[in-house]
Amino acid sequence: ITMSMSRKGTPADNASIESFHSSLKSETFYLNSIDRTTTTIVEQTVETYIHYYNNIRIQTKLNSQSPIQYRQLAV
């Protein structure tokens, strides 16, 4: 994994991924009080959350629809 670094004074470069990481942590690890874990559990949790985020999770910026529903209406 290569670390993503923005230029000095341009925090907007990483804003979208920082927002995703915040959602991931608050909706999985902090909500479920996961304190100690293994690499396998973290990988599984992240994969499950990415599927949930892209297919099921309602997002207000998409007119209160999941990304899949929003894309289907666009087609």
C-alpha atoms as a PDB file:
ATOM      1  CA  ILE A   1       0.000   0.000   0.000  1.00  0.00           C
ATOM      2  CA  THR A   2       1.326   3.422  -0.937  1.00  0.00           C
ATOM      3  CA  MET A   3       0.525   6.291   1.392  1.00  0.00           C
ATOM      4  CA  SER A   4      -1.390   9.139  -0.196  1.00  0.00           C
ATOM      5  CA  MET A   5       0.049  12.547   0.593  1.00  0.00           C
ATOM      6  CA  SER A   6      -1.419  15.840  -0.531  1.00  0.00           C
ATOM      7  CA  ARG A   7       0.634  18.934  -1.242  1.00  0.00           C
ATOM      8  CA  LYS A   8       1.144  21.314   1.625  1.00  0.00           C
ATOM      9  CA  GLY A   9      -1.847  23.611   2.027  1.00  0.00           C
ATOM     10  CA  THR A  10      -4.242  21.542  -0.127  1.00  0.00           C
ATOM     11  CA  PRO A  11      -6.242  19.347   2.250  1.00  0.00           C
ATOM     12  CA  ALA A  12      -9.034  18.904  -0.307  1.00  0.00           C
ATOM     13  CA  ASP A  13      -6.850  16.431  -2.236  1.00  0.00           C
ATOM     14  CA  ASN A  14      -7.660  13.641   0.207  1.00  0.00           C
ATOM     15  CA  ALA A  15     -11.047  14.857   1.450  1.00  0.00           C
ATOM     16  CA  SER A  16     -13.138  12.120  -0.163  1.00  0.00           C
ATOM     17  CA  ILE A  17     -11.052   9.212   1.124  1.00  0.00           C
ATOM     18  CA  GLU A  18     -10.743  10.831   4.564  1.00  0.00           C
ATOM     19  CA  SER A  19     -14.544  11.085   4.676  1.00  0.00           C
ATOM     20  CA  PHE A  20     -14.862   7.408   3.691  1.00  0.00           C
ATOM     21  CA  HIS A  21     -12.343   6.361   6.356  1.00  0.00           C
ATOM     22  CA  SER A  22     -14.254   8.351   8.956  1.00  0.00           C
ATOM     23  CA  SER A  23     -17.521   6.640   7.984  1.00  0.00           C
ATOM     24  CA  LEU A  24     -15.851   3.236   7.961  1.00  0.00           C
ATOM     25  CA  LYS A  25     -14.381   3.652  11.432  1.00  0.00           C
ATOM     26  CA  SER A  26     -17.461   5.189  13.040  1.00  0.00           C
ATOM     27  CA  GLU A  27     -19.948   2.741  11.493  1.00  0.00           C
ATOM     28  CA  THR A  28     -17.936  -0.430  12.079  1.00  0.00           C
ATOM     29  CA  PHE A  29     -15.078  -0.376  14.548  1.00  0.00           C
ATOM     30  CA  TYR A  30     -16.302   2.311  16.965  1.00  0.00           C
ATOM     31  CA  LEU A  31     -19.985   1.371  16.772  1.00  0.00           C
ATOM     32  CA  ASN A  32     -19.244  -2.287  17.512  1.00  0.00           C
ATOM     33  CA  SER A  33     -16.538  -1.472  20.096  1.00  0.00           C
ATOM     34  CA  ILE A  34     -13.889  -3.509  18.296  1.00  0.00           C
ATOM     35  CA  ASP A  35     -10.753  -2.985  20.391  1.00  0.00           C
ATOM     36  CA  ARG A  36      -8.526  -5.936  19.574  1.00  0.00           C
ATOM     37  CA  THR A  37      -8.579  -7.674  16.267  1.00  0.00           C
ATOM     38  CA  THR A  38      -6.542  -9.569  13.715  1.00  0.00           C
ATOM     39  CA  THR A  39      -5.601  -8.644  10.178  1.00  0.00           C
ATOM     40  CA  THR A  40      -8.118 -11.165   8.869  1.00  0.00           C
ATOM     41  CA  ILE A  41     -10.969  -9.607  10.866  1.00  0.00           C
ATOM     42  CA  VAL A  42     -10.015  -6.108   9.709  1.00  0.00           C
ATOM     43  CA  GLU A  43      -9.874  -7.209   6.055  1.00  0.00           C
ATOM     44  CA  GLN A  44     -13.240  -8.952   6.324  1.00  0.00           C
ATOM     45  CA  THR A  45     -14.817  -5.968   8.090  1.00  0.00           C
ATOM     46  CA  VAL A  46     -13.536  -3.532   5.445  1.00  0.00           C
ATOM     47  CA  GLU A  47     -14.677  -5.736   2.544  1.00  0.00           C
ATOM     48  CA  THR A  48     -18.132  -6.129   4.094  1.00  0.00           C
ATOM     49  CA  TYR A  49     -18.405  -2.389   4.718  1.00  0.00           C
ATOM     50  CA  ILE A  50     -17.335  -1.491   1.162  1.00  0.00           C
ATOM     51  CA  HIS A  51     -20.055  -3.776  -0.205  1.00  0.00           C
ATOM     52  CA  TYR A  52     -22.588  -2.202   2.172  1.00  0.00           C
ATOM     53  CA  TYR A  53     -21.421   1.339   1.323  1.00  0.00           C
ATOM     54  CA  ASN A  54     -21.622   0.817  -2.454  1.00  0.00           C
ATOM     55  CA  ASN A  55     -24.778  -1.289  -2.639  1.00  0.00           C
ATOM     56  CA  ILE A  56     -27.059  -0.777   0.356  1.00  0.00           C
ATOM     57  CA  ARG A  57     -26.249   2.365   2.359  1.00  0.00           C
ATOM     58  CA  ILE A  58     -28.680   5.231   1.722  1.00  0.00           C
ATOM     59  CA  GLN A  59     -26.898   8.482   0.860  1.00  0.00           C
ATOM     60  CA  THR A  60     -28.623  11.854   1.006  1.00  0.00           C
ATOM     61  CA  LYS A  61     -26.454  13.283  -1.783  1.00  0.00           C
ATOM     62  CA  LEU A  62     -27.991  10.625  -4.076  1.00  0.00           C
ATOM     63  CA  ASN A  63     -31.580  11.675  -3.341  1.00  0.00           C
ATOM     64  CA  SER A  64     -31.817   9.276  -0.373  1.00  0.00           C
ATOM     65  CA  GLN A  65     -31.013   6.226  -2.488  1.00  0.00           C
ATOM     66  CA  SER A  66     -28.263   3.655  -2.468  1.00  0.00           C
ATOM     67  CA  PRO A  67     -25.594   4.058  -5.164  1.00  0.00           C
ATOM     68  CA  ILE A  68     -26.970   1.016  -7.035  1.00  0.00           C
ATOM     69  CA  GLN A  69     -30.502   2.444  -7.101  1.00  0.00           C
ATOM     70  CA  TYR A  70     -29.177   5.836  -8.211  1.00  0.00           C
ATOM     71  CA  ARG A  71     -27.163   4.292 -11.087  1.00  0.00           C
ATOM     72  CA  GLN A  72     -30.147   2.229 -12.235  1.00  0.00           C
ATOM     73  CA  LEU A  73     -32.288   5.362 -12.488  1.00  0.00           C
ATOM     74  CA  ALA A  74     -29.564   7.139 -14.461  1.00  0.00           C
ATOM     75  CA  VAL A  75     -29.555   4.372 -17.089  1.00  0.00           C
END
